[in-house]
Amino acid sequence: MRVLLSTLGTAGDVIPFARVARALTARGHAVTVHSWEIWRPWFADTGARFVAAGGGVSDPELHAAP
């Protein structure tokens, strides 16, 4: 199955999607993640393809929020 996960927001919105992406790829699904570029590192080891959304956030507090 091909799956698109699209999430924009803070770490609390994005990090759960990394776990979902990892679980789906582990089950053999082709996953594409669409989010802001700053969140790319969270998806690097999930096996999912990452596509950066235009724009984004630059607030350092959002980057640090686990």
Protein backbone atom coordinates (compact mmCIF):
# COMPACT_ATOMS: atom_id res chain seq x y z
CA MET A 1 0.00 0.00 0.00
CA ARG A 2 1.20 3.55 -0.70
CA VAL A 3 0.66 6.01 2.16
CA LEU A 4 1.03 9.80 2.33
CA LEU A 5 1.49 11.31 5.78
CA SER A 6 1.18 15.09 5.82
CA THR A 7 1.82 16.96 9.03
CA LEU A 8 2.66 20.59 9.74
CA GLY A 9 3.07 21.96 13.21
CA THR A 10 5.20 21.66 16.30
CA ALA A 11 7.14 18.66 17.54
CA GLY A 12 4.07 17.36 19.34
CA ASP A 13 2.25 17.20 16.01
CA VAL A 14 5.12 15.79 13.96
CA ILE A 15 6.94 13.25 16.15
CA PRO A 16 3.98 10.83 16.36
CA PHE A 17 3.95 10.71 12.55
CA ALA A 18 7.59 9.57 12.56
CA ARG A 19 6.56 6.59 14.66
CA VAL A 20 3.67 5.84 12.31
CA ALA A 21 5.96 6.13 9.27
CA ARG A 22 8.45 3.72 10.85
CA ALA A 23 5.74 1.19 11.68
CA LEU A 24 4.23 1.34 8.19
CA THR A 25 7.54 0.93 6.37
CA ALA A 26 8.45 -1.96 8.68
CA ARG A 27 5.29 -3.66 7.41
CA GLY A 28 6.35 -3.17 3.80
CA HIS A 29 4.28 -0.12 2.88
CA ALA A 30 5.65 2.68 0.68
CA VAL A 31 5.41 5.82 2.82
CA THR A 32 5.87 9.43 1.77
CA VAL A 33 6.00 12.12 4.44
CA HIS A 34 5.12 15.74 3.68
CA SER A 35 6.21 18.27 6.30
CA TRP A 36 8.44 21.28 6.86
CA GLU A 37 12.13 20.85 6.14
CA ILE A 38 13.08 21.34 9.80
CA TRP A 39 11.42 18.01 10.62
CA ARG A 40 13.36 15.96 8.01
CA PRO A 41 15.82 14.57 10.61
CA TRP A 42 12.94 12.99 12.53
CA PHE A 43 12.09 10.89 9.47
CA ALA A 44 15.63 10.05 8.31
CA ASP A 45 15.65 6.56 9.82
CA THR A 46 12.02 5.64 9.19
CA GLY A 47 12.46 4.30 5.67
CA ALA A 48 9.94 6.85 4.40
CA ARG A 49 10.48 9.26 1.52
CA PHE A 50 10.43 12.87 2.74
CA VAL A 51 9.00 15.76 0.70
CA ALA A 52 9.47 19.23 2.15
CA ALA A 53 6.50 21.57 2.32
CA GLY A 54 6.93 25.15 1.21
CA GLY A 55 7.39 27.81 3.84
CA GLY A 56 7.94 26.62 7.35
CA VAL A 57 8.67 27.81 10.81
CA SER A 58 11.84 29.36 12.14
CA ASP A 59 11.05 29.79 15.84
CA PRO A 60 13.90 28.08 17.77
CA GLU A 61 11.49 27.08 20.54
CA LEU A 62 9.56 24.94 18.08
CA HIS A 63 12.76 23.17 17.05
CA ALA A 64 13.60 22.34 20.66
CA ALA A 65 10.16 21.12 21.74
CA PRO A 66 10.30 17.33 22.05
